[in-house]
Amino acid sequence: MRIISANTNGIRAAAKKGFFEWMVAQAPDVVCIQETKAQEEQLGDAVFNPEGFHRTVFDAQKKGYSGTAIYSKQPPISVQKGLGWSLCDDEGRYILAEYSNTYVASLYLPSGTTGTVRQDAKYDFMDQFLAHMRELKAKGKEVIICGDWNIAHTVNDIKNATGNKKNSGFLPEERAWMDRLFGEEGWVDAFRCLEQEPHTYTFWSNRGQAWANNTGWRIDYQVVTPGLAERVGASDVYKEVRFSDHSPLTIDYQGEL
């Protein structure tokens, strides 16, 4: 099964750059999109409804902001939108789709870059989301949580570690949470199941020459249950066309969805 995660930083803007033509050509089983920045009624054009795909969207209440979506070849058995608290649900930050053998989620974890209040809200989100992850794992199916987690885990996931150690997205508390996630909590960073080229990132700021100089962050992940770790067959960060300030992350897994 082929799973793609992509923060589009505006699904309509990405569509104009050819995102959906590229997406269909990849023959994915599931595509998880973050930061749609659109309301469902704005996505009626055929480009947003490619033939052969089932679409589920979860819009933010604020127009032009946040939002998540899942496209899949198979219609899901069930869909969960939101997690029951306002920061997640009001901003459309989480969709969970259930398939025969697997749960696949699209997550847009908040950023804390606008200040202390928002950073504290991010920490609260992280705590509540970890509790949800435990409940999800206990259901017995394999799980793939795709998304923009807004945290670079280690120095291998960021170009300028020293300069960013006091910035949201690379704070010690955030990185320790990821250590716990991939340690005692038993989740797996699917991208790291395979040997990767150094300095492989998924996000580059639009400021300055970040893209040209590959001054990037790896903050887009597919976080999976341990049963999927040995089933990772291939991975790719697509950079030939820049659809947004993030690049799509594709991972192939052995087995059926």
C-alpha atoms as a PDB file:
ATOM      1  CA  MET A   1       0.000   0.000   0.000  1.00  0.00           C
ATOM      2  CA  ARG A   2       1.202   3.465  -0.879  1.00  0.00           C
ATOM      3  CA  ILE A   3       0.525   6.288   1.591  1.00  0.00           C
ATOM      4  CA  ILE A   4       1.258   9.959   0.918  1.00  0.00           C
ATOM      5  CA  SER A   5       1.339  12.810   3.428  1.00  0.00           C
ATOM      6  CA  ALA A   6       1.368  16.390   2.143  1.00  0.00           C
ATOM      7  CA  ASN A   7       0.982  19.789   3.769  1.00  0.00           C
ATOM      8  CA  THR A   8      -0.301  21.830   0.822  1.00  0.00           C
ATOM      9  CA  ASN A   9      -0.309  25.244   2.574  1.00  0.00           C
ATOM     10  CA  GLY A  10      -3.536  25.873   0.686  1.00  0.00           C
ATOM     11  CA  ILE A  11      -5.061  23.061  -1.352  1.00  0.00           C
ATOM     12  CA  ARG A  12      -6.333  25.455  -4.026  1.00  0.00           C
ATOM     13  CA  ALA A  13      -2.899  27.009  -4.497  1.00  0.00           C
ATOM     14  CA  ALA A  14      -1.290  23.562  -4.682  1.00  0.00           C
ATOM     15  CA  ALA A  15      -3.869  22.461  -7.255  1.00  0.00           C
ATOM     16  CA  LYS A  16      -2.833  25.330  -9.522  1.00  0.00           C
ATOM     17  CA  LYS A  17       0.740  24.025  -9.348  1.00  0.00           C
ATOM     18  CA  GLY A  18      -0.296  20.541 -10.470  1.00  0.00           C
ATOM     19  CA  PHE A  19      -0.575  18.771  -7.134  1.00  0.00           C
ATOM     20  CA  PHE A  20      -3.581  16.642  -8.056  1.00  0.00           C
ATOM     21  CA  GLU A  21      -2.171  15.555 -11.407  1.00  0.00           C
ATOM     22  CA  TRP A  22       0.987  14.486  -9.584  1.00  0.00           C
ATOM     23  CA  MET A  23      -1.043  12.775  -6.838  1.00  0.00           C
ATOM     24  CA  VAL A  24      -3.088  10.673  -9.245  1.00  0.00           C
ATOM     25  CA  ALA A  25       0.048   9.674 -11.173  1.00  0.00           C
ATOM     26  CA  GLN A  26       1.552   8.216  -7.969  1.00  0.00           C
ATOM     27  CA  ALA A  27      -1.289   5.649  -7.759  1.00  0.00           C
ATOM     28  CA  PRO A  28      -1.589   6.023  -3.978  1.00  0.00           C
ATOM     29  CA  ASP A  29      -3.937   4.076  -1.754  1.00  0.00           C
ATOM     30  CA  VAL A  30      -4.349   6.962   0.706  1.00  0.00           C
ATOM     31  CA  VAL A  31      -3.323  10.620   0.600  1.00  0.00           C
ATOM     32  CA  CYS A  32      -3.396  12.649   3.815  1.00  0.00           C
ATOM     33  CA  ILE A  33      -3.432  16.416   3.347  1.00  0.00           C
ATOM     34  CA  GLN A  34      -2.868  19.112   5.940  1.00  0.00           C
ATOM     35  CA  GLU A  35      -3.436  22.860   5.830  1.00  0.00           C
ATOM     36  CA  THR A  36      -6.142  22.789   3.179  1.00  0.00           C
ATOM     37  CA  LYS A  37      -7.091  26.414   3.936  1.00  0.00           C
ATOM     38  CA  ALA A  38     -10.452  25.937   2.256  1.00  0.00           C
ATOM     39  CA  GLN A  39     -14.083  25.172   3.023  1.00  0.00           C
ATOM     40  CA  GLU A  40     -15.639  22.098   1.466  1.00  0.00           C
ATOM     41  CA  GLU A  41     -17.991  24.153  -0.685  1.00  0.00           C
ATOM     42  CA  GLN A  42     -14.926  25.736  -2.316  1.00  0.00           C
ATOM     43  CA  LEU A  43     -13.738  22.322  -3.542  1.00  0.00           C
ATOM     44  CA  GLY A  44     -16.470  21.482  -6.014  1.00  0.00           C
ATOM     45  CA  ASP A  45     -14.302  21.687  -9.130  1.00  0.00           C
ATOM     46  CA  ALA A  46     -13.349  18.392 -10.770  1.00  0.00           C
ATOM     47  CA  VAL A  47      -9.654  18.902  -9.988  1.00  0.00           C
ATOM     48  CA  PHE A  48     -10.422  18.461  -6.274  1.00  0.00           C
ATOM     49  CA  ASN A  49     -12.451  15.316  -6.958  1.00  0.00           C
ATOM     50  CA  PRO A  50     -10.207  13.018  -9.040  1.00  0.00           C
ATOM     51  CA  GLU A  51     -11.942   9.993 -10.452  1.00  0.00           C
ATOM     52  CA  GLY A  52     -11.556   6.842  -8.387  1.00  0.00           C
ATOM     53  CA  PHE A  53     -10.887   8.597  -5.070  1.00  0.00           C
ATOM     54  CA  HIS A  54     -13.089   8.976  -2.013  1.00  0.00           C
ATOM     55  CA  ARG A  55     -12.629  12.339  -0.275  1.00  0.00           C
ATOM     56  CA  THR A  56     -13.168  13.364   3.347  1.00  0.00           C
ATOM     57  CA  VAL A  57     -12.430  16.886   4.546  1.00  0.00           C
ATOM     58  CA  PHE A  58     -12.456  18.541   7.945  1.00  0.00           C
ATOM     59  CA  ASP A  59     -12.502  22.314   7.678  1.00  0.00           C
ATOM     60  CA  ALA A  60     -11.443  24.873  10.232  1.00  0.00           C
ATOM     61  CA  GLN A  61     -14.189  27.189  11.402  1.00  0.00           C
ATOM     62  CA  LYS A  62     -12.014  30.129  10.361  1.00  0.00           C
ATOM     63  CA  LYS A  63     -12.057  30.434   6.595  1.00  0.00           C
ATOM     64  CA  GLY A  64      -8.725  30.168   4.805  1.00  0.00           C
ATOM     65  CA  TYR A  65      -7.027  28.504   7.765  1.00  0.00           C
ATOM     66  CA  SER A  66      -5.753  25.060   8.769  1.00  0.00           C
ATOM     67  CA  GLY A  67      -7.951  22.091   7.768  1.00  0.00           C
ATOM     68  CA  THR A  68      -7.220  18.469   6.873  1.00  0.00           C
ATOM     69  CA  ALA A  69      -8.350  15.995   4.209  1.00  0.00           C
ATOM     70  CA  ILE A  70      -8.014  12.330   3.261  1.00  0.00           C
ATOM     71  CA  TYR A  71      -8.282  10.931  -0.262  1.00  0.00           C
ATOM     72  CA  SER A  72      -8.400   7.151  -0.670  1.00  0.00           C
ATOM     73  CA  LYS A  73      -9.045   4.584  -3.375  1.00  0.00           C
ATOM     74  CA  GLN A  74     -11.159   2.532  -0.980  1.00  0.00           C
ATOM     75  CA  PRO A  75     -14.032   4.206   0.832  1.00  0.00           C
ATOM     76  CA  PRO A  76     -13.301   4.029   4.552  1.00  0.00           C
ATOM     77  CA  ILE A  77     -15.303   1.789   6.860  1.00  0.00           C
ATOM     78  CA  SER A  78     -15.666   4.707   9.251  1.00  0.00           C
ATOM     79  CA  VAL A  79     -14.404   8.272   9.624  1.00  0.00           C
ATOM     80  CA  GLN A  80     -13.722  10.292  12.763  1.00  0.00           C
ATOM     81  CA  LYS A  81     -13.385  14.061  12.480  1.00  0.00           C
ATOM     82  CA  GLY A  82     -11.791  15.737  15.465  1.00  0.00           C
ATOM     83  CA  LEU A  83     -10.976  14.604  18.970  1.00  0.00           C
ATOM     84  CA  GLY A  84     -13.417  16.476  21.162  1.00  0.00           C
ATOM     85  CA  TRP A  85     -11.406  19.525  22.163  1.00  0.00           C
ATOM     86  CA  SER A  86     -11.541  22.971  20.614  1.00  0.00           C
ATOM     87  CA  LEU A  87      -7.966  23.496  19.442  1.00  0.00           C
ATOM     88  CA  CYS A  88      -8.218  20.326  17.397  1.00  0.00           C
ATOM     89  CA  ASP A  89     -11.830  20.481  16.275  1.00  0.00           C
ATOM     90  CA  ASP A  90     -12.343  24.209  15.698  1.00  0.00           C
ATOM     91  CA  GLU A  91      -9.235  24.263  13.507  1.00  0.00           C
ATOM     92  CA  GLY A  92      -9.934  21.008  11.628  1.00  0.00           C
ATOM     93  CA  ARG A  93      -6.646  19.439  12.658  1.00  0.00           C
ATOM     94  CA  TYR A  94      -7.408  15.700  12.648  1.00  0.00           C
ATOM     95  CA  ILE A  95      -9.231  13.095  10.559  1.00  0.00           C
ATOM     96  CA  LEU A  96      -9.089   9.347  11.204  1.00  0.00           C
ATOM     97  CA  ALA A  97     -10.197   6.867   8.531  1.00  0.00           C
ATOM     98  CA  GLU A  98     -10.686   3.163   9.234  1.00  0.00           C
ATOM     99  CA  TYR A  99      -9.981   0.516   6.590  1.00  0.00           C
ATOM    100  CA  SER A 100     -10.027  -3.293   6.700  1.00  0.00           C
ATOM    101  CA  ASN A 101      -6.619  -3.747   8.336  1.00  0.00           C
ATOM    102  CA  THR A 102      -5.433  -0.231   9.062  1.00  0.00           C
ATOM    103  CA  TYR A 103      -6.360   3.115  10.572  1.00  0.00           C
ATOM    104  CA  VAL A 104      -4.918   6.069   8.639  1.00  0.00           C
ATOM    105  CA  ALA A 105      -5.014   9.605  10.042  1.00  0.00           C
ATOM    106  CA  SER A 106      -4.203  13.072   8.779  1.00  0.00           C
ATOM    107  CA  LEU A 107      -2.821  15.299  11.549  1.00  0.00           C
ATOM    108  CA  TYR A 108      -1.886  18.970  11.572  1.00  0.00           C
ATOM    109  CA  LEU A 109      -0.278  19.507  14.951  1.00  0.00           C
ATOM    110  CA  PRO A 110      -0.233  23.176  16.010  1.00  0.00           C
ATOM    111  CA  SER A 111       2.819  25.375  15.778  1.00  0.00           C
ATOM    112  CA  GLY A 112       3.979  27.411  18.745  1.00  0.00           C
ATOM    113  CA  THR A 113       5.853  30.030  16.755  1.00  0.00           C
ATOM    114  CA  THR A 114       3.519  32.926  17.570  1.00  0.00           C
ATOM    115  CA  GLY A 115       4.362  33.048  21.263  1.00  0.00           C
ATOM    116  CA  THR A 116       4.056  31.550  24.735  1.00  0.00           C
ATOM    117  CA  VAL A 117       0.271  31.187  24.749  1.00  0.00           C
ATOM    118  CA  ARG A 118       0.265  29.228  21.522  1.00  0.00           C
ATOM    119  CA  GLN A 119       3.252  27.131  22.608  1.00  0.00           C
ATOM    120  CA  ASP A 120       1.437  26.181  25.811  1.00  0.00           C
ATOM    121  CA  ALA A 121      -1.585  25.248  23.719  1.00  0.00           C
ATOM    122  CA  LYS A 122       0.688  23.080  21.558  1.00  0.00           C
ATOM    123  CA  TYR A 123       1.967  21.238  24.629  1.00  0.00           C
ATOM    124  CA  ASP A 124      -1.614  20.672  25.783  1.00  0.00           C
ATOM    125  CA  PHE A 125      -2.506  19.309  22.344  1.00  0.00           C
ATOM    126  CA  MET A 126       0.496  16.981  22.449  1.00  0.00           C
ATOM    127  CA  ASP A 127      -0.505  15.586  25.853  1.00  0.00           C
ATOM    128  CA  GLN A 128      -4.101  14.964  24.822  1.00  0.00           C
ATOM    129  CA  PHE A 129      -3.092  13.528  21.476  1.00  0.00           C
ATOM    130  CA  LEU A 130      -0.733  11.042  23.089  1.00  0.00           C
ATOM    131  CA  ALA A 131      -3.642   9.727  25.142  1.00  0.00           C
ATOM    132  CA  HIS A 132      -5.634   9.316  21.924  1.00  0.00           C
ATOM    133  CA  MET A 133      -2.731   7.447  20.327  1.00  0.00           C
ATOM    134  CA  ARG A 134      -2.738   4.948  23.184  1.00  0.00           C
ATOM    135  CA  GLU A 135      -6.463   4.354  22.728  1.00  0.00           C
ATOM    136  CA  LEU A 136      -6.032   3.978  18.972  1.00  0.00           C
ATOM    137  CA  LYS A 137      -3.233   1.441  19.298  1.00  0.00           C
ATOM    138  CA  ALA A 138      -5.378  -0.593  21.708  1.00  0.00           C
ATOM    139  CA  LYS A 139      -8.024  -1.136  18.997  1.00  0.00           C
ATOM    140  CA  GLY A 140      -5.848  -3.836  17.475  1.00  0.00           C
ATOM    141  CA  LYS A 141      -5.431  -2.679  13.888  1.00  0.00           C
ATOM    142  CA  GLU A 142      -2.240  -1.233  12.447  1.00  0.00           C
ATOM    143  CA  VAL A 143      -2.112   2.570  12.523  1.00  0.00           C
ATOM    144  CA  ILE A 144      -0.480   5.180  10.270  1.00  0.00           C
ATOM    145  CA  ILE A 145      -0.637   8.781  11.497  1.00  0.00           C
ATOM    146  CA  CYS A 146       0.464  11.036   8.665  1.00  0.00           C
ATOM    147  CA  GLY A 147       1.003  14.706   9.047  1.00  0.00           C
ATOM    148  CA  ASP A 148       2.784  17.877   9.830  1.00  0.00           C
ATOM    149  CA  TRP A 149       3.858  17.303  13.421  1.00  0.00           C
ATOM    150  CA  ASN A 150       5.642  20.691  13.616  1.00  0.00           C
ATOM    151  CA  ILE A 151       8.577  19.137  15.471  1.00  0.00           C
ATOM    152  CA  ALA A 152      12.012  18.192  14.164  1.00  0.00           C
ATOM    153  CA  HIS A 153      12.993  15.231  16.310  1.00  0.00           C
ATOM    154  CA  THR A 154      16.810  15.125  16.202  1.00  0.00           C
ATOM    155  CA  VAL A 155      19.753  17.079  14.835  1.00  0.00           C
ATOM    156  CA  ASN A 156      19.493  14.864  11.747  1.00  0.00           C
ATOM    157  CA  ASP A 157      16.081  16.365  11.047  1.00  0.00           C
ATOM    158  CA  ILE A 158      17.099  20.010  10.839  1.00  0.00           C
ATOM    159  CA  LYS A 159      19.821  21.908   9.001  1.00  0.00           C
ATOM    160  CA  ASN A 160      20.554  24.530  11.645  1.00  0.00           C
ATOM    161  CA  ALA A 161      20.216  22.730  14.971  1.00  0.00           C
ATOM    162  CA  THR A 162      22.291  25.194  16.982  1.00  0.00           C
ATOM    163  CA  GLY A 163      20.451  28.252  15.729  1.00  0.00           C
ATOM    164  CA  ASN A 164      17.013  26.741  16.367  1.00  0.00           C
ATOM    165  CA  LYS A 165      17.439  25.104  19.766  1.00  0.00           C
ATOM    166  CA  LYS A 166      15.334  27.832  21.413  1.00  0.00           C
ATOM    167  CA  ASN A 167      12.707  27.971  18.669  1.00  0.00           C
ATOM    168  CA  SER A 168       9.344  26.250  18.621  1.00  0.00           C
ATOM    169  CA  GLY A 169       9.593  23.054  16.647  1.00  0.00           C
ATOM    170  CA  PHE A 170      13.006  22.170  18.046  1.00  0.00           C
ATOM    171  CA  LEU A 171      12.625  22.896  21.743  1.00  0.00           C
ATOM    172  CA  PRO A 172      14.040  20.350  24.219  1.00  0.00           C
ATOM    173  CA  GLU A 173      10.560  19.643  25.611  1.00  0.00           C
ATOM    174  CA  GLU A 174       9.179  18.933  22.131  1.00  0.00           C
ATOM    175  CA  ARG A 175      12.071  16.686  21.202  1.00  0.00           C
ATOM    176  CA  ALA A 176      11.780  14.814  24.512  1.00  0.00           C
ATOM    177  CA  TRP A 177       8.108  14.180  23.693  1.00  0.00           C
ATOM    178  CA  MET A 178       9.181  12.657  20.384  1.00  0.00           C
ATOM    179  CA  ASP A 179      11.798  10.570  22.224  1.00  0.00           C
ATOM    180  CA  ARG A 180       8.993   9.235  24.387  1.00  0.00           C
ATOM    181  CA  LEU A 181       6.736   8.635  21.393  1.00  0.00           C
ATOM    182  CA  PHE A 182       9.376   6.555  19.616  1.00  0.00           C
ATOM    183  CA  GLY A 183      10.658   5.037  22.852  1.00  0.00           C
ATOM    184  CA  GLU A 184       8.478   3.915  25.729  1.00  0.00           C
ATOM    185  CA  GLU A 185       5.212   4.551  23.864  1.00  0.00           C
ATOM    186  CA  GLY A 186       6.311   2.118  21.160  1.00  0.00           C
ATOM    187  CA  TRP A 187       5.531   4.064  17.979  1.00  0.00           C
ATOM    188  CA  VAL A 188       7.831   4.049  14.948  1.00  0.00           C
ATOM    189  CA  ASP A 189       9.051   6.790  12.603  1.00  0.00           C
ATOM    190  CA  ALA A 190       8.478   4.935   9.321  1.00  0.00           C
ATOM    191  CA  PHE A 191      10.863   7.169   7.371  1.00  0.00           C
ATOM    192  CA  ARG A 192      13.740   6.088   9.618  1.00  0.00           C
ATOM    193  CA  CYS A 193      13.039   2.385   9.043  1.00  0.00           C
ATOM    194  CA  LEU A 194      15.151   2.729   5.903  1.00  0.00           C
ATOM    195  CA  GLU A 195      18.600   4.221   5.425  1.00  0.00           C
ATOM    196  CA  GLN A 196      18.199   7.809   4.249  1.00  0.00           C
ATOM    197  CA  GLU A 197      20.379  10.383   2.583  1.00  0.00           C
ATOM    198  CA  PRO A 198      21.623  13.010   5.074  1.00  0.00           C
ATOM    199  CA  HIS A 199      19.983  16.418   5.022  1.00  0.00           C
ATOM    200  CA  THR A 200      16.659  15.074   3.799  1.00  0.00           C
ATOM    201  CA  TYR A 201      13.961  17.505   4.912  1.00  0.00           C
ATOM    202  CA  THR A 202      10.270  18.113   4.217  1.00  0.00           C
ATOM    203  CA  PHE A 203       9.838  21.823   5.026  1.00  0.00           C
ATOM    204  CA  TRP A 204      11.699  24.957   3.968  1.00  0.00           C
ATOM    205  CA  SER A 205      10.719  28.457   4.994  1.00  0.00           C
ATOM    206  CA  ASN A 206       9.700  30.811   2.219  1.00  0.00           C
ATOM    207  CA  ARG A 207      11.969  33.397   3.791  1.00  0.00           C
ATOM    208  CA  GLY A 208      15.433  34.045   2.426  1.00  0.00           C
ATOM    209  CA  GLN A 209      17.172  31.272   0.494  1.00  0.00           C
ATOM    210  CA  ALA A 210      16.052  28.327   2.622  1.00  0.00           C
ATOM    211  CA  TRP A 211      14.935  26.220  -0.340  1.00  0.00           C
ATOM    212  CA  ALA A 212      17.971  27.063  -2.484  1.00  0.00           C
ATOM    213  CA  ASN A 213      20.353  26.309   0.387  1.00  0.00           C
ATOM    214  CA  ASN A 214      18.410  23.277   1.679  1.00  0.00           C
ATOM    215  CA  THR A 215      18.062  24.952   5.067  1.00  0.00           C
ATOM    216  CA  GLY A 216      15.188  22.687   5.986  1.00  0.00           C
ATOM    217  CA  TRP A 217      13.327  20.858   8.693  1.00  0.00           C
ATOM    218  CA  ARG A 218      11.906  17.338   8.661  1.00  0.00           C
ATOM    219  CA  ILE A 219       8.594  17.882  10.409  1.00  0.00           C
ATOM    220  CA  ASP A 220       6.314  15.742   8.234  1.00  0.00           C
ATOM    221  CA  TYR A 221       6.098  12.146   9.438  1.00  0.00           C
ATOM    222  CA  GLN A 222       4.308   8.882   9.035  1.00  0.00           C
ATOM    223  CA  VAL A 223       4.168   7.539  12.582  1.00  0.00           C
ATOM    224  CA  VAL A 224       3.176   3.873  12.665  1.00  0.00           C
ATOM    225  CA  THR A 225       2.519   0.936  14.952  1.00  0.00           C
ATOM    226  CA  PRO A 226       5.435  -1.500  15.332  1.00  0.00           C
ATOM    227  CA  GLY A 227       3.803  -4.120  13.125  1.00  0.00           C
ATOM    228  CA  LEU A 228       4.316  -1.870  10.124  1.00  0.00           C
ATOM    229  CA  ALA A 229       7.990  -1.162  10.787  1.00  0.00           C
ATOM    230  CA  GLU A 230       9.251  -4.266   8.967  1.00  0.00           C
ATOM    231  CA  ARG A 231       6.769  -3.705   6.149  1.00  0.00           C
ATOM    232  CA  VAL A 232       8.256  -0.387   4.984  1.00  0.00           C
ATOM    233  CA  GLY A 233       9.463  -1.027   1.458  1.00  0.00           C
ATOM    234  CA  ALA A 234      10.335   2.393   0.050  1.00  0.00           C
ATOM    235  CA  SER A 235      10.158   6.084   0.884  1.00  0.00           C
ATOM    236  CA  ASP A 236      10.417   9.309  -1.070  1.00  0.00           C
ATOM    237  CA  VAL A 237      10.354  13.052  -0.438  1.00  0.00           C
ATOM    238  CA  TYR A 238       9.215  14.612  -3.703  1.00  0.00           C
ATOM    239  CA  LYS A 239      11.075  17.814  -4.596  1.00  0.00           C
ATOM    240  CA  GLU A 240      10.901  18.116  -8.395  1.00  0.00           C
ATOM    241  CA  VAL A 241       7.933  20.474  -8.214  1.00  0.00           C
ATOM    242  CA  ARG A 242       7.385  22.714  -5.207  1.00  0.00           C
ATOM    243  CA  PHE A 243       3.663  22.569  -4.465  1.00  0.00           C
ATOM    244  CA  SER A 244       4.040  24.415  -1.140  1.00  0.00           C
ATOM    245  CA  ASP A 245       6.638  25.132   1.540  1.00  0.00           C
ATOM    246  CA  HIS A 246       6.445  21.398   2.371  1.00  0.00           C
ATOM    247  CA  SER A 247       7.279  18.438   0.141  1.00  0.00           C
ATOM    248  CA  PRO A 248       5.050  15.340  -0.024  1.00  0.00           C
ATOM    249  CA  LEU A 249       6.282  12.281   1.856  1.00  0.00           C
ATOM    250  CA  THR A 250       5.455   8.930   0.222  1.00  0.00           C
ATOM    251  CA  ILE A 251       5.974   5.589   1.932  1.00  0.00           C
ATOM    252  CA  ASP A 252       5.201   2.150   0.520  1.00  0.00           C
ATOM    253  CA  TYR A 253       4.215  -0.647   2.904  1.00  0.00           C
ATOM    254  CA  GLN A 254       3.879  -4.339   2.163  1.00  0.00           C
ATOM    255  CA  GLY A 255       0.382  -5.710   2.689  1.00  0.00           C
ATOM    256  CA  GLU A 256      -3.176  -4.593   2.120  1.00  0.00           C
ATOM    257  CA  LEU A 257      -4.904  -1.518   3.475  1.00  0.00           C
END
